[in-house]
């Protein structure tokens, strides 16, 4: 399986959004998304280390963790 721009985009968009939220209100972000720093790190890996990404692991991560993250941020408020 070869990951495509969709999975890359998911990681990039989510990571960038978290970076912006961190600048606005880090306390609220830490409460709502405790692992946000790991997610930003993942975004950096996808953006800059795409040649070492395991495609199946990336797809599995998107399938399992993105829905969980969505639940964490659904009621997010600053």
N, C-alpha and C. Protein backbone atom coordinates (compact mmCIF):
# COMPACT_ATOMS: atom_id res chain seq x y z
N UNK A 1 0.84 -1.18 0.00
CA UNK A 1 0.00 0.00 0.00
C UNK A 1 0.88 1.24 0.00
N UNK A 2 0.57 2.18 -0.82
CA UNK A 2 1.31 3.43 -0.89
C UNK A 2 0.42 4.55 -0.38
N UNK A 3 0.90 5.28 0.62
CA UNK A 3 0.05 6.37 1.12
C UNK A 3 -0.01 7.46 0.06
N UNK A 4 -1.06 8.17 0.10
CA UNK A 4 -1.27 9.20 -0.90
C UNK A 4 -1.35 10.57 -0.25
N UNK A 5 -1.65 11.53 -1.04
CA UNK A 5 -1.71 12.90 -0.53
C UNK A 5 -2.83 13.11 0.47
N UNK A 6 -3.85 12.25 0.41
CA UNK A 6 -4.96 12.40 1.35
C UNK A 6 -4.49 12.15 2.77
N UNK A 7 -3.79 11.05 3.00
CA UNK A 7 -3.32 10.76 4.35
C UNK A 7 -2.27 11.78 4.78
N UNK A 8 -1.43 12.20 3.86
CA UNK A 8 -0.46 13.25 4.17
C UNK A 8 -1.17 14.54 4.56
N UNK A 9 -2.21 14.87 3.81
CA UNK A 9 -2.97 16.10 4.08
C UNK A 9 -3.66 16.06 5.42
N UNK A 10 -4.22 14.90 5.78
CA UNK A 10 -4.89 14.77 7.07
C UNK A 10 -3.93 15.12 8.19
N UNK A 11 -2.75 14.52 8.16
CA UNK A 11 -1.75 14.80 9.19
C UNK A 11 -1.30 16.24 9.19
N UNK A 12 -1.12 16.79 8.02
CA UNK A 12 -0.66 18.16 7.91
C UNK A 12 -1.71 19.16 8.40
N UNK A 13 -2.94 18.98 7.99
CA UNK A 13 -4.00 19.91 8.38
C UNK A 13 -4.24 19.86 9.88
N UNK A 14 -4.31 18.66 10.43
CA UNK A 14 -4.54 18.53 11.87
C UNK A 14 -3.38 19.12 12.65
N UNK A 15 -2.16 18.79 12.24
CA UNK A 15 -0.98 19.31 12.93
C UNK A 15 -0.90 20.82 12.90
N UNK A 16 -1.16 21.40 11.74
CA UNK A 16 -1.12 22.86 11.62
C UNK A 16 -2.21 23.51 12.46
N UNK A 17 -3.39 22.91 12.48
CA UNK A 17 -4.47 23.45 13.30
C UNK A 17 -4.09 23.45 14.78
N UNK A 18 -3.44 22.39 15.22
CA UNK A 18 -3.02 22.31 16.62
C UNK A 18 -1.93 23.33 16.94
N UNK A 19 -1.03 23.55 16.02
CA UNK A 19 0.01 24.57 16.22
C UNK A 19 -0.65 25.94 16.41
N UNK A 20 -1.64 26.23 15.60
CA UNK A 20 -2.34 27.52 15.72
C UNK A 20 -3.12 27.63 17.02
N UNK A 21 -3.79 26.54 17.41
CA UNK A 21 -4.51 26.55 18.68
C UNK A 21 -3.55 26.71 19.86
N UNK A 22 -2.38 26.13 19.75
CA UNK A 22 -1.38 26.25 20.81
C UNK A 22 -1.00 27.72 21.01
N UNK A 23 -0.91 28.46 19.95
CA UNK A 23 -0.56 29.89 20.03
C UNK A 23 -1.67 30.70 20.68
N UNK A 24 -2.92 30.26 20.49
CA UNK A 24 -4.07 31.01 21.00
C UNK A 24 -4.33 30.72 22.46
N UNK A 25 -4.37 29.43 22.82
CA UNK A 25 -4.74 29.05 24.18
C UNK A 25 -4.22 27.66 24.51
N UNK A 26 -2.99 27.61 24.96
CA UNK A 26 -2.36 26.33 25.24
C UNK A 26 -3.04 25.58 26.38
N UNK A 27 -3.55 26.29 27.38
CA UNK A 27 -4.19 25.62 28.52
C UNK A 27 -5.43 24.84 28.08
N UNK A 28 -6.26 25.45 27.28
CA UNK A 28 -7.46 24.78 26.79
C UNK A 28 -7.09 23.62 25.88
N UNK A 29 -6.08 23.80 25.06
CA UNK A 29 -5.63 22.73 24.18
C UNK A 29 -5.13 21.54 24.98
N UNK A 30 -4.34 21.78 26.01
CA UNK A 30 -3.82 20.69 26.84
C UNK A 30 -4.95 19.93 27.53
N UNK A 31 -5.99 20.65 27.94
CA UNK A 31 -7.14 20.00 28.58
C UNK A 31 -7.91 19.13 27.60
N UNK A 32 -8.13 19.65 26.40
CA UNK A 32 -8.97 18.97 25.42
C UNK A 32 -8.24 17.90 24.62
N UNK A 33 -6.96 18.12 24.33
CA UNK A 33 -6.19 17.20 23.51
C UNK A 33 -4.83 16.99 24.19
N UNK A 34 -4.79 16.15 25.23
CA UNK A 34 -3.56 15.99 26.01
C UNK A 34 -2.34 15.55 25.19
N UNK A 35 -2.55 14.84 24.11
CA UNK A 35 -1.44 14.35 23.29
C UNK A 35 -1.14 15.24 22.09
N UNK A 36 -1.54 16.49 22.17
CA UNK A 36 -1.40 17.34 20.99
C UNK A 36 0.05 17.50 20.53
N UNK A 37 0.99 17.49 21.45
CA UNK A 37 2.40 17.64 21.04
C UNK A 37 2.87 16.44 20.21
N UNK A 38 2.38 15.26 20.55
CA UNK A 38 2.71 14.06 19.76
C UNK A 38 2.12 14.17 18.36
N UNK A 39 0.92 14.73 18.28
CA UNK A 39 0.27 14.88 16.98
C UNK A 39 1.03 15.89 16.12
N UNK A 40 1.49 16.97 16.72
CA UNK A 40 2.29 17.94 15.98
C UNK A 40 3.60 17.29 15.53
N UNK A 41 4.20 16.50 16.37
CA UNK A 41 5.41 15.78 16.00
C UNK A 41 5.17 14.83 14.83
N UNK A 42 4.01 14.18 14.85
CA UNK A 42 3.65 13.29 13.75
C UNK A 42 3.50 14.08 12.45
N UNK A 43 2.89 15.25 12.55
CA UNK A 43 2.74 16.10 11.37
C UNK A 43 4.11 16.45 10.79
N UNK A 44 5.05 16.77 11.67
CA UNK A 44 6.39 17.10 11.20
C UNK A 44 7.07 15.91 10.54
N UNK A 45 6.84 14.73 11.08
CA UNK A 45 7.41 13.51 10.48
C UNK A 45 6.83 13.28 9.10
N UNK A 46 5.53 13.41 8.96
CA UNK A 46 4.89 13.21 7.66
C UNK A 46 5.37 14.27 6.66
N UNK A 47 5.48 15.51 7.12
CA UNK A 47 5.87 16.60 6.22
C UNK A 47 7.33 16.52 5.79
N UNK A 48 8.18 16.08 6.69
CA UNK A 48 9.62 16.14 6.40
C UNK A 48 10.30 14.79 6.29
N UNK A 49 9.64 13.74 6.75
CA UNK A 49 10.25 12.41 6.70
C UNK A 49 9.42 11.41 5.95
N UNK A 50 8.71 11.91 4.94
CA UNK A 50 7.77 11.06 4.20
C UNK A 50 8.43 9.84 3.59
N UNK A 51 9.72 9.90 3.33
CA UNK A 51 10.40 8.77 2.70
C UNK A 51 10.65 7.61 3.68
N UNK A 52 10.46 7.85 4.99
CA UNK A 52 10.68 6.78 5.95
C UNK A 52 9.39 6.30 6.61
N UNK A 53 8.25 6.81 6.16
CA UNK A 53 6.96 6.47 6.73
C UNK A 53 6.54 5.08 6.24
N UNK A 54 6.07 4.27 7.17
CA UNK A 54 5.48 2.98 6.82
C UNK A 54 4.04 3.26 6.39
N UNK A 55 3.75 2.98 5.14
CA UNK A 55 2.45 3.34 4.59
C UNK A 55 1.29 2.69 5.33
N UNK A 56 1.40 1.43 5.67
CA UNK A 56 0.32 0.74 6.36
C UNK A 56 0.13 1.32 7.76
N UNK A 57 1.22 1.63 8.44
CA UNK A 57 1.13 2.23 9.78
C UNK A 57 0.45 3.60 9.71
N UNK A 58 0.78 4.37 8.69
CA UNK A 58 0.17 5.69 8.52
C UNK A 58 -1.33 5.55 8.30
N UNK A 59 -1.73 4.62 7.44
CA UNK A 59 -3.15 4.42 7.17
C UNK A 59 -3.87 3.94 8.43
N UNK A 60 -3.28 2.99 9.15
CA UNK A 60 -3.88 2.49 10.38
C UNK A 60 -4.05 3.61 11.40
N UNK A 61 -3.04 4.46 11.51
CA UNK A 61 -3.11 5.58 12.44
C UNK A 61 -4.26 6.52 12.08
N UNK A 62 -4.40 6.81 10.80
CA UNK A 62 -5.49 7.69 10.36
C UNK A 62 -6.85 7.06 10.66
N UNK A 63 -6.97 5.76 10.44
CA UNK A 63 -8.26 5.09 10.66
C UNK A 63 -8.62 5.00 12.13
N UNK A 64 -7.64 4.82 13.00
CA UNK A 64 -7.95 4.60 14.41
C UNK A 64 -7.88 5.87 15.26
N UNK A 65 -6.94 6.73 14.99
CA UNK A 65 -6.73 7.88 15.87
C UNK A 65 -7.45 9.15 15.44
N UNK A 66 -7.68 9.34 14.17
CA UNK A 66 -8.39 10.55 13.73
C UNK A 66 -9.83 10.58 14.27
N UNK A 67 -10.57 9.47 14.21
CA UNK A 67 -11.92 9.51 14.81
C UNK A 67 -11.88 9.80 16.31
N UNK A 68 -10.90 9.26 17.01
CA UNK A 68 -10.75 9.51 18.45
C UNK A 68 -10.44 10.99 18.69
N UNK A 69 -9.58 11.56 17.88
CA UNK A 69 -9.25 12.98 18.00
C UNK A 69 -10.48 13.84 17.74
N UNK A 70 -11.28 13.45 16.77
CA UNK A 70 -12.51 14.19 16.48
C UNK A 70 -13.41 14.25 17.70
N UNK A 71 -13.51 13.14 18.42
CA UNK A 71 -14.32 13.13 19.64
C UNK A 71 -13.76 14.09 20.68
N UNK A 72 -12.45 14.19 20.77
CA UNK A 72 -11.82 15.09 21.74
C UNK A 72 -12.08 16.55 21.42
N UNK A 73 -12.18 16.89 20.16
CA UNK A 73 -12.29 18.30 19.80
C UNK A 73 -13.72 18.75 19.47
N UNK A 74 -14.67 17.82 19.43
CA UNK A 74 -16.04 18.19 19.07
C UNK A 74 -16.59 19.28 19.98
N UNK A 75 -16.32 19.20 21.26
CA UNK A 75 -16.84 20.18 22.21
C UNK A 75 -15.78 21.20 22.61
N UNK A 76 -14.75 21.33 21.81
CA UNK A 76 -13.65 22.23 22.12
C UNK A 76 -14.12 23.67 22.09
N UNK A 77 -13.73 24.40 23.11
CA UNK A 77 -14.02 25.83 23.11
C UNK A 77 -12.87 26.57 23.78
N UNK A 78 -12.63 27.74 23.27
CA UNK A 78 -11.56 28.58 23.82
C UNK A 78 -12.18 29.57 24.77
